[in-house]
Amino acid sequence: MLVSGLVQGVGYRFFAVREARAAGINGFVRNLPDGRVEVVAEAASEAELESFADALRQGPPTSVVRGVEIEDYPHSESIEGFEIKY
């Protein structure tokens, strides 16, 4: 997922980690040089991913989310846990 808006420097990545861990989502979140945030998420069901995406659309109170683009992310190995990548 690519999240756009005022999403860097406002605690968005920490928010994403809290939401993901609470929902049992695996993956990672990181800032991109263009001001967006990238979220790679893996869940047991599509419904869990959609619920997580809904939380990301809201974001923390300090953020202003303008959009969340959802794309398939090809990977060959399973991701365990959820972390911030730098």
PDB file of N, CA and C in Angstrom:
ATOM      1  N   MET A   1       0.846  -1.160   0.000  1.00  0.00           N
ATOM      2  CA  MET A   1       0.000   0.000   0.000  1.00  0.00           C
ATOM      3  C   MET A   1       0.895   1.227   0.000  1.00  0.00           C
ATOM      4  N   LEU A   2       0.465   2.242  -0.714  1.00  0.00           N
ATOM      5  CA  LEU A   2       1.179   3.508  -0.731  1.00  0.00           C
ATOM      6  C   LEU A   2       0.251   4.564  -0.147  1.00  0.00           C
ATOM      7  N   VAL A   3       0.691   5.174   0.943  1.00  0.00           N
ATOM      8  CA  VAL A   3      -0.130   6.140   1.663  1.00  0.00           C
ATOM      9  C   VAL A   3       0.405   7.535   1.381  1.00  0.00           C
ATOM     10  N   SER A   4      -0.482   8.425   0.936  1.00  0.00           N
ATOM     11  CA  SER A   4      -0.066   9.788   0.621  1.00  0.00           C
ATOM     12  C   SER A   4      -0.775  10.792   1.523  1.00  0.00           C
ATOM     13  N   GLY A   5      -0.207  11.979   1.590  1.00  0.00           N
ATOM     14  CA  GLY A   5      -0.737  13.049   2.425  1.00  0.00           C
ATOM     15  C   GLY A   5       0.335  13.498   3.395  1.00  0.00           C
ATOM     16  N   LEU A   6      -0.090  14.059   4.512  1.00  0.00           N
ATOM     17  CA  LEU A   6       0.846  14.438   5.574  1.00  0.00           C
ATOM     18  C   LEU A   6       1.029  13.204   6.451  1.00  0.00           C
ATOM     19  N   VAL A   7       1.973  12.349   6.056  1.00  0.00           N
ATOM     20  CA  VAL A   7       2.135  11.053   6.714  1.00  0.00           C
ATOM     21  C   VAL A   7       3.566  10.782   7.171  1.00  0.00           C
ATOM     22  N   GLN A   8       4.460  11.744   7.009  1.00  0.00           N
ATOM     23  CA  GLN A   8       5.825  11.594   7.519  1.00  0.00           C
ATOM     24  C   GLN A   8       6.065  12.641   8.596  1.00  0.00           C
ATOM     25  N   GLY A   9       6.758  12.225   9.653  1.00  0.00           N
ATOM     26  CA  GLY A   9       7.063  13.129  10.756  1.00  0.00           C
ATOM     27  C   GLY A   9       5.896  13.359  11.695  1.00  0.00           C
ATOM     28  N   VAL A  10       4.869  12.507  11.605  1.00  0.00           N
ATOM     29  CA  VAL A  10       3.672  12.684  12.431  1.00  0.00           C
ATOM     30  C   VAL A  10       3.305  11.419  13.210  1.00  0.00           C
ATOM     31  N   GLY A  11       4.206  10.433  13.248  1.00  0.00           N
ATOM     32  CA  GLY A  11       3.952   9.193  13.981  1.00  0.00           C
ATOM     33  C   GLY A  11       3.159   8.154  13.206  1.00  0.00           C
ATOM     34  N   TYR A  12       3.052   8.339  11.895  1.00  0.00           N
ATOM     35  CA  TYR A  12       2.245   7.421  11.091  1.00  0.00           C
ATOM     36  C   TYR A  12       2.792   5.996  11.101  1.00  0.00           C
ATOM     37  N   ARG A  13       4.105   5.846  10.980  1.00  0.00           N
ATOM     38  CA  ARG A  13       4.684   4.492  10.958  1.00  0.00           C
ATOM     39  C   ARG A  13       4.446   3.775  12.286  1.00  0.00           C
ATOM     40  N   PHE A  14       4.579   4.488  13.399  1.00  0.00           N
ATOM     41  CA  PHE A  14       4.341   3.876  14.708  1.00  0.00           C
ATOM     42  C   PHE A  14       2.870   3.481  14.851  1.00  0.00           C
ATOM     43  N   PHE A  15       1.983   4.324  14.332  1.00  0.00           N
ATOM     44  CA  PHE A  15       0.557   4.014  14.307  1.00  0.00           C
ATOM     45  C   PHE A  15       0.309   2.728  13.510  1.00  0.00           C
ATOM     46  N   ALA A  16       0.923   2.637  12.330  1.00  0.00           N
ATOM     47  CA  ALA A  16       0.747   1.454  11.479  1.00  0.00           C
ATOM     48  C   ALA A  16       1.228   0.189  12.185  1.00  0.00           C
ATOM     49  N   VAL A  17       2.349   0.285  12.884  1.00  0.00           N
ATOM     50  CA  VAL A  17       2.878  -0.871  13.624  1.00  0.00           C
ATOM     51  C   VAL A  17       1.890  -1.305  14.706  1.00  0.00           C
ATOM     52  N   ARG A  18       1.372  -0.352  15.478  1.00  0.00           N
ATOM     53  CA  ARG A  18       0.406  -0.685  16.541  1.00  0.00           C
ATOM     54  C   ARG A  18      -0.831  -1.369  15.963  1.00  0.00           C
ATOM     55  N   GLU A  19      -1.385  -0.785  14.903  1.00  0.00           N
ATOM     56  CA  GLU A  19      -2.592  -1.350  14.281  1.00  0.00           C
ATOM     57  C   GLU A  19      -2.323  -2.747  13.718  1.00  0.00           C
ATOM     58  N   ALA A  20      -1.195  -2.907  13.056  1.00  0.00           N
ATOM     59  CA  ALA A  20      -0.862  -4.199  12.448  1.00  0.00           C
ATOM     60  C   ALA A  20      -0.677  -5.277  13.507  1.00  0.00           C
ATOM     61  N   ARG A  21       0.077  -4.963  14.529  1.00  0.00           N
ATOM     62  CA  ARG A  21       0.326  -5.967  15.577  1.00  0.00           C
ATOM     63  C   ARG A  21      -0.962  -6.339  16.295  1.00  0.00           C
ATOM     64  N   ALA A  22      -1.835  -5.369  16.534  1.00  0.00           N
ATOM     65  CA  ALA A  22      -3.109  -5.649  17.203  1.00  0.00           C
ATOM     66  C   ALA A  22      -3.999  -6.551  16.345  1.00  0.00           C
ATOM     67  N   ALA A  23      -3.874  -6.432  15.024  1.00  0.00           N
ATOM     68  CA  ALA A  23      -4.712  -7.211  14.110  1.00  0.00           C
ATOM     69  C   ALA A  23      -4.055  -8.502  13.634  1.00  0.00           C
ATOM     70  N   GLY A  24      -2.817  -8.752  14.064  1.00  0.00           N
ATOM     71  CA  GLY A  24      -2.118  -9.956  13.632  1.00  0.00           C
ATOM     72  C   GLY A  24      -1.632  -9.888  12.190  1.00  0.00           C
ATOM     73  N   ILE A  25      -1.384  -8.671  11.708  1.00  0.00           N
ATOM     74  CA  ILE A  25      -0.896  -8.457  10.344  1.00  0.00           C
ATOM     75  C   ILE A  25       0.627  -8.551  10.346  1.00  0.00           C
ATOM     76  N   ASN A  26       1.194  -9.195   9.360  1.00  0.00           N
ATOM     77  CA  ASN A  26       2.647  -9.274   9.196  1.00  0.00           C
ATOM     78  C   ASN A  26       3.081  -8.326   8.089  1.00  0.00           C
ATOM     79  N   GLY A  27       4.325  -7.826   8.187  1.00  0.00           N
ATOM     80  CA  GLY A  27       4.848  -6.978   7.124  1.00  0.00           C
ATOM     81  C   GLY A  27       5.757  -5.893   7.647  1.00  0.00           C
ATOM     82  N   PHE A  28       5.764  -4.765   6.919  1.00  0.00           N
ATOM     83  CA  PHE A  28       6.611  -3.646   7.330  1.00  0.00           C
ATOM     84  C   PHE A  28       6.065  -2.333   6.795  1.00  0.00           C
ATOM     85  N   VAL A  29       6.578  -1.257   7.347  1.00  0.00           N
ATOM     86  CA  VAL A  29       6.217   0.097   6.931  1.00  0.00           C
ATOM     87  C   VAL A  29       7.505   0.896   6.813  1.00  0.00           C
ATOM     88  N   ARG A  30       7.569   1.791   5.819  1.00  0.00           N
ATOM     89  CA  ARG A  30       8.753   2.646   5.695  1.00  0.00           C
ATOM     90  C   ARG A  30       8.397   3.932   4.960  1.00  0.00           C
ATOM     91  N   ASN A  31       9.150   4.993   5.266  1.00  0.00           N
ATOM     92  CA  ASN A  31       9.009   6.256   4.559  1.00  0.00           C
ATOM     93  C   ASN A  31       9.650   6.142   3.185  1.00  0.00           C
ATOM     94  N   LEU A  32       9.066   6.797   2.216  1.00  0.00           N
ATOM     95  CA  LEU A  32       9.639   6.882   0.878  1.00  0.00           C
ATOM     96  C   LEU A  32      10.185   8.296   0.654  1.00  0.00           C
ATOM     97  N   PRO A  33      11.178   8.441  -0.197  1.00  0.00           N
ATOM     98  CA  PRO A  33      11.780   9.758  -0.434  1.00  0.00           C
ATOM     99  C   PRO A  33      10.796  10.802  -0.971  1.00  0.00           C
ATOM    100  N   ASP A  34       9.708  10.358  -1.607  1.00  0.00           N
ATOM    101  CA  ASP A  34       8.756  11.308  -2.195  1.00  0.00           C
ATOM    102  C   ASP A  34       7.696  11.799  -1.216  1.00  0.00           C
ATOM    103  N   GLY A  35       7.814  11.432   0.075  1.00  0.00           N
ATOM    104  CA  GLY A  35       6.869  11.901   1.089  1.00  0.00           C
ATOM    105  C   GLY A  35       5.756  10.924   1.409  1.00  0.00           C
ATOM    106  N   ARG A  36       5.643   9.864   0.632  1.00  0.00           N
ATOM    107  CA  ARG A  36       4.633   8.852   0.928  1.00  0.00           C
ATOM    108  C   ARG A  36       5.187   7.828   1.911  1.00  0.00           C
ATOM    109  N   VAL A  37       4.298   6.968   2.396  1.00  0.00           N
ATOM    110  CA  VAL A  37       4.680   5.858   3.261  1.00  0.00           C
ATOM    111  C   VAL A  37       4.282   4.569   2.547  1.00  0.00           C
ATOM    112  N   GLU A  38       5.204   3.612   2.518  1.00  0.00           N
ATOM    113  CA  GLU A  38       4.925   2.304   1.930  1.00  0.00           C
ATOM    114  C   GLU A  38       4.608   1.323   3.051  1.00  0.00           C
ATOM    115  N   VAL A  39       3.524   0.576   2.874  1.00  0.00           N
ATOM    116  CA  VAL A  39       3.129  -0.456   3.829  1.00  0.00           C
ATOM    117  C   VAL A  39       3.003  -1.766   3.063  1.00  0.00           C
ATOM    118  N   VAL A  40       3.763  -2.765   3.476  1.00  0.00           N
ATOM    119  CA  VAL A  40       3.641  -4.108   2.911  1.00  0.00           C
ATOM    120  C   VAL A  40       3.005  -4.963   3.998  1.00  0.00           C
ATOM    121  N   ALA A  41       1.854  -5.549   3.686  1.00  0.00           N
ATOM    122  CA  ALA A  41       1.088  -6.266   4.703  1.00  0.00           C
ATOM    123  C   ALA A  41       0.637  -7.623   4.189  1.00  0.00           C
ATOM    124  N   GLU A  42       0.643  -8.585   5.104  1.00  0.00           N
ATOM    125  CA  GLU A  42       0.221  -9.954   4.807  1.00  0.00           C
ATOM    126  C   GLU A  42      -0.695 -10.397   5.944  1.00  0.00           C
ATOM    127  N   ALA A  43      -1.865 -10.926   5.585  1.00  0.00           N
ATOM    128  CA  ALA A  43      -2.827 -11.355   6.600  1.00  0.00           C
ATOM    129  C   ALA A  43      -3.429 -12.692   6.205  1.00  0.00           C
ATOM    130  N   ALA A  44      -4.126 -13.295   7.148  1.00  0.00           N
ATOM    131  CA  ALA A  44      -4.747 -14.595   6.902  1.00  0.00           C
ATOM    132  C   ALA A  44      -5.932 -14.488   5.946  1.00  0.00           C
ATOM    133  N   SER A  45      -6.576 -13.307   5.902  1.00  0.00           N
ATOM    134  CA  SER A  45      -7.748 -13.157   5.040  1.00  0.00           C
ATOM    135  C   SER A  45      -7.787 -11.772   4.403  1.00  0.00           C
ATOM    136  N   GLU A  46      -8.534 -11.683   3.329  1.00  0.00           N
ATOM    137  CA  GLU A  46      -8.733 -10.402   2.639  1.00  0.00           C
ATOM    138  C   GLU A  46      -9.471  -9.421   3.548  1.00  0.00           C
ATOM    139  N   ALA A  47     -10.397  -9.929   4.360  1.00  0.00           N
ATOM    140  CA  ALA A  47     -11.156  -9.073   5.277  1.00  0.00           C
ATOM    141  C   ALA A  47     -10.237  -8.417   6.302  1.00  0.00           C
ATOM    142  N   GLU A  48      -9.253  -9.158   6.802  1.00  0.00           N
ATOM    143  CA  GLU A  48      -8.297  -8.582   7.757  1.00  0.00           C
ATOM    144  C   GLU A  48      -7.463  -7.493   7.098  1.00  0.00           C
ATOM    145  N   LEU A  49      -7.057  -7.718   5.865  1.00  0.00           N
ATOM    146  CA  LEU A  49      -6.286  -6.701   5.141  1.00  0.00           C
ATOM    147  C   LEU A  49      -7.124  -5.452   4.902  1.00  0.00           C
ATOM    148  N   GLU A  50      -8.386  -5.627   4.549  1.00  0.00           N
ATOM    149  CA  GLU A  50      -9.254  -4.477   4.293  1.00  0.00           C
ATOM    150  C   GLU A  50      -9.502  -3.678   5.570  1.00  0.00           C
ATOM    151  N   SER A  51      -9.668  -4.376   6.680  1.00  0.00           N
ATOM    152  CA  SER A  51      -9.839  -3.697   7.965  1.00  0.00           C
ATOM    153  C   SER A  51      -8.589  -2.894   8.323  1.00  0.00           C
ATOM    154  N   PHE A  52      -7.421  -3.469   8.075  1.00  0.00           N
ATOM    155  CA  PHE A  52      -6.154  -2.774   8.314  1.00  0.00           C
ATOM    156  C   PHE A  52      -6.046  -1.556   7.397  1.00  0.00           C
ATOM    157  N   ALA A  53      -6.412  -1.715   6.134  1.00  0.00           N
ATOM    158  CA  ALA A  53      -6.378  -0.592   5.190  1.00  0.00           C
ATOM    159  C   ALA A  53      -7.311   0.526   5.646  1.00  0.00           C
ATOM    160  N   ASP A  54      -8.470   0.173   6.202  1.00  0.00           N
ATOM    161  CA  ASP A  54      -9.392   1.188   6.732  1.00  0.00           C
ATOM    162  C   ASP A  54      -8.737   1.981   7.855  1.00  0.00           C
ATOM    163  N   ALA A  55      -8.019   1.285   8.742  1.00  0.00           N
ATOM    164  CA  ALA A  55      -7.316   1.972   9.833  1.00  0.00           C
ATOM    165  C   ALA A  55      -6.245   2.895   9.266  1.00  0.00           C
ATOM    166  N   LEU A  56      -5.536   2.445   8.228  1.00  0.00           N
ATOM    167  CA  LEU A  56      -4.497   3.273   7.612  1.00  0.00           C
ATOM    168  C   LEU A  56      -5.096   4.503   6.946  1.00  0.00           C
ATOM    169  N   ARG A  57      -6.297   4.385   6.408  1.00  0.00           N
ATOM    170  CA  ARG A  57      -6.969   5.537   5.793  1.00  0.00           C
ATOM    171  C   ARG A  57      -7.292   6.598   6.843  1.00  0.00           C
ATOM    172  N   GLN A  58      -7.564   6.168   8.065  1.00  0.00           N
ATOM    173  CA  GLN A  58      -7.840   7.110   9.156  1.00  0.00           C
ATOM    174  C   GLN A  58      -6.545   7.731   9.665  1.00  0.00           C
ATOM    175  N   GLY A  59      -5.559   6.889   9.941  1.00  0.00           N
ATOM    176  CA  GLY A  59      -4.273   7.364  10.445  1.00  0.00           C
ATOM    177  C   GLY A  59      -4.379   7.931  11.850  1.00  0.00           C
ATOM    178  N   PRO A  60      -3.242   8.318  12.424  1.00  0.00           N
ATOM    179  CA  PRO A  60      -3.260   8.934  13.750  1.00  0.00           C
ATOM    180  C   PRO A  60      -3.804  10.361  13.639  1.00  0.00           C
ATOM    181  N   PRO A  61      -4.219  10.958  14.759  1.00  0.00           N
ATOM    182  CA  PRO A  61      -4.796  12.309  14.715  1.00  0.00           C
ATOM    183  C   PRO A  61      -3.851  13.371  14.154  1.00  0.00           C
ATOM    184  N   THR A  62      -2.553  13.131  14.223  1.00  0.00           N
ATOM    185  CA  THR A  62      -1.567  14.107  13.752  1.00  0.00           C
ATOM    186  C   THR A  62      -1.351  14.046  12.241  1.00  0.00           C
ATOM    187  N   SER A  63      -1.930  13.065  11.571  1.00  0.00           N
ATOM    188  CA  SER A  63      -1.716  12.894  10.130  1.00  0.00           C
ATOM    189  C   SER A  63      -2.907  13.425   9.333  1.00  0.00           C
ATOM    190  N   VAL A  64      -2.676  13.630   8.049  1.00  0.00           N
ATOM    191  CA  VAL A  64      -3.742  13.946   7.097  1.00  0.00           C
ATOM    192  C   VAL A  64      -3.552  12.998   5.913  1.00  0.00           C
ATOM    193  N   VAL A  65      -4.322  11.922   5.902  1.00  0.00           N
ATOM    194  CA  VAL A  65      -4.196  10.917   4.845  1.00  0.00           C
ATOM    195  C   VAL A  65      -5.039  11.359   3.652  1.00  0.00           C
ATOM    196  N   ARG A  66      -4.400  11.482   2.509  1.00  0.00           N
ATOM    197  CA  ARG A  66      -5.102  11.893   1.285  1.00  0.00           C
ATOM    198  C   ARG A  66      -5.462  10.690   0.415  1.00  0.00           C
ATOM    199  N   GLY A  67      -4.716   9.605   0.554  1.00  0.00           N
ATOM    200  CA  GLY A  67      -5.027   8.435  -0.251  1.00  0.00           C
ATOM    201  C   GLY A  67      -4.248   7.211   0.177  1.00  0.00           C
ATOM    202  N   VAL A  68      -4.833   6.051  -0.080  1.00  0.00           N
ATOM    203  CA  VAL A  68      -4.171   4.766   0.157  1.00  0.00           C
ATOM    204  C   VAL A  68      -4.344   3.940  -1.113  1.00  0.00           C
ATOM    205  N   GLU A  69      -3.245   3.756  -1.831  1.00  0.00           N
ATOM    206  CA  GLU A  69      -3.249   2.916  -3.035  1.00  0.00           C
ATOM    207  C   GLU A  69      -2.913   1.494  -2.624  1.00  0.00           C
ATOM    208  N   ILE A  70      -3.728   0.558  -3.049  1.00  0.00           N
ATOM    209  CA  ILE A  70      -3.480  -0.846  -2.713  1.00  0.00           C
ATOM    210  C   ILE A  70      -3.004  -1.569  -3.965  1.00  0.00           C
ATOM    211  N   GLU A  71      -1.851  -2.212  -3.851  1.00  0.00           N
ATOM    212  CA  GLU A  71      -1.272  -2.971  -4.958  1.00  0.00           C
ATOM    213  C   GLU A  71      -0.830  -4.328  -4.433  1.00  0.00           C
ATOM    214  N   ASP A  72      -0.826  -5.317  -5.305  1.00  0.00           N
ATOM    215  CA  ASP A  72      -0.246  -6.609  -4.933  1.00  0.00           C
ATOM    216  C   ASP A  72       1.260  -6.450  -4.844  1.00  0.00           C
ATOM    217  N   TYR A  73       1.860  -7.117  -3.876  1.00  0.00           N
ATOM    218  CA  TYR A  73       3.303  -7.045  -3.655  1.00  0.00           C
ATOM    219  C   TYR A  73       3.870  -8.442  -3.826  1.00  0.00           C
ATOM    220  N   PRO A  74       4.567  -8.690  -4.916  1.00  0.00           N
ATOM    221  CA  PRO A  74       5.110 -10.036  -5.122  1.00  0.00           C
ATOM    222  C   PRO A  74       6.293 -10.312  -4.188  1.00  0.00           C
ATOM    223  N   HIS A  75       6.220 -11.395  -3.485  1.00  0.00           N
ATOM    224  CA  HIS A  75       7.344 -11.815  -2.645  1.00  0.00           C
ATOM    225  C   HIS A  75       7.354 -13.329  -2.580  1.00  0.00           C
ATOM    226  N   SER A  76       8.506 -13.865  -2.307  1.00  0.00           N
ATOM    227  CA  SER A  76       8.641 -15.319  -2.349  1.00  0.00           C
ATOM    228  C   SER A  76       8.707 -15.966  -0.972  1.00  0.00           C
ATOM    229  N   GLU A  77       8.799 -15.159   0.054  1.00  0.00           N
ATOM    230  CA  GLU A  77       8.896 -15.747   1.391  1.00  0.00           C
ATOM    231  C   GLU A  77       7.859 -15.135   2.317  1.00  0.00           C
ATOM    232  N   SER A  78       7.500 -15.868   3.331  1.00  0.00           N
ATOM    233  CA  SER A  78       6.530 -15.396   4.305  1.00  0.00           C
ATOM    234  C   SER A  78       7.169 -14.349   5.214  1.00  0.00           C
ATOM    235  N   ILE A  79       6.386 -13.360   5.581  1.00  0.00           N
ATOM    236  CA  ILE A  79       6.856 -12.295   6.466  1.00  0.00           C
ATOM    237  C   ILE A  79       6.324 -12.592   7.863  1.00  0.00           C
ATOM    238  N   GLU A  80       7.168 -12.474   8.875  1.00  0.00           N
ATOM    239  CA  GLU A  80       6.728 -12.694  10.253  1.00  0.00           C
ATOM    240  C   GLU A  80       6.878 -11.420  11.049  1.00  0.00           C
ATOM    241  N   GLY A  81       5.831 -11.058  11.790  1.00  0.00           N
ATOM    242  CA  GLY A  81       5.851  -9.847  12.596  1.00  0.00           C
ATOM    243  C   GLY A  81       5.598  -8.613  11.743  1.00  0.00           C
ATOM    244  N   PHE A  82       5.646  -7.451  12.373  1.00  0.00           N
ATOM    245  CA  PHE A  82       5.455  -6.186  11.658  1.00  0.00           C
ATOM    246  C   PHE A  82       6.443  -5.192  12.225  1.00  0.00           C
ATOM    247  N   GLU A  83       7.188  -4.522  11.349  1.00  0.00           N
ATOM    248  CA  GLU A  83       8.258  -3.635  11.818  1.00  0.00           C
ATOM    249  C   GLU A  83       8.384  -2.399  10.944  1.00  0.00           C
ATOM    250  N   ILE A  84       9.115  -1.437  11.460  1.00  0.00           N
ATOM    251  CA  ILE A  84       9.478  -0.248  10.695  1.00  0.00           C
ATOM    252  C   ILE A  84      10.807  -0.538  10.022  1.00  0.00           C
ATOM    253  N   LYS A  85      10.877  -0.284   8.721  1.00  0.00           N
ATOM    254  CA  LYS A  85      12.152  -0.392   8.000  1.00  0.00           C
ATOM    255  C   LYS A  85      12.680   1.013   7.779  1.00  0.00           C
ATOM    256  N   TYR A  86      13.992   1.147   7.916  1.00  0.00           N
ATOM    257  CA  TYR A  86      14.631   2.453   7.723  1.00  0.00           C
ATOM    258  C   TYR A  86      15.498   2.431   6.498  1.00  0.00           C
TER     259      TYR A  86
END
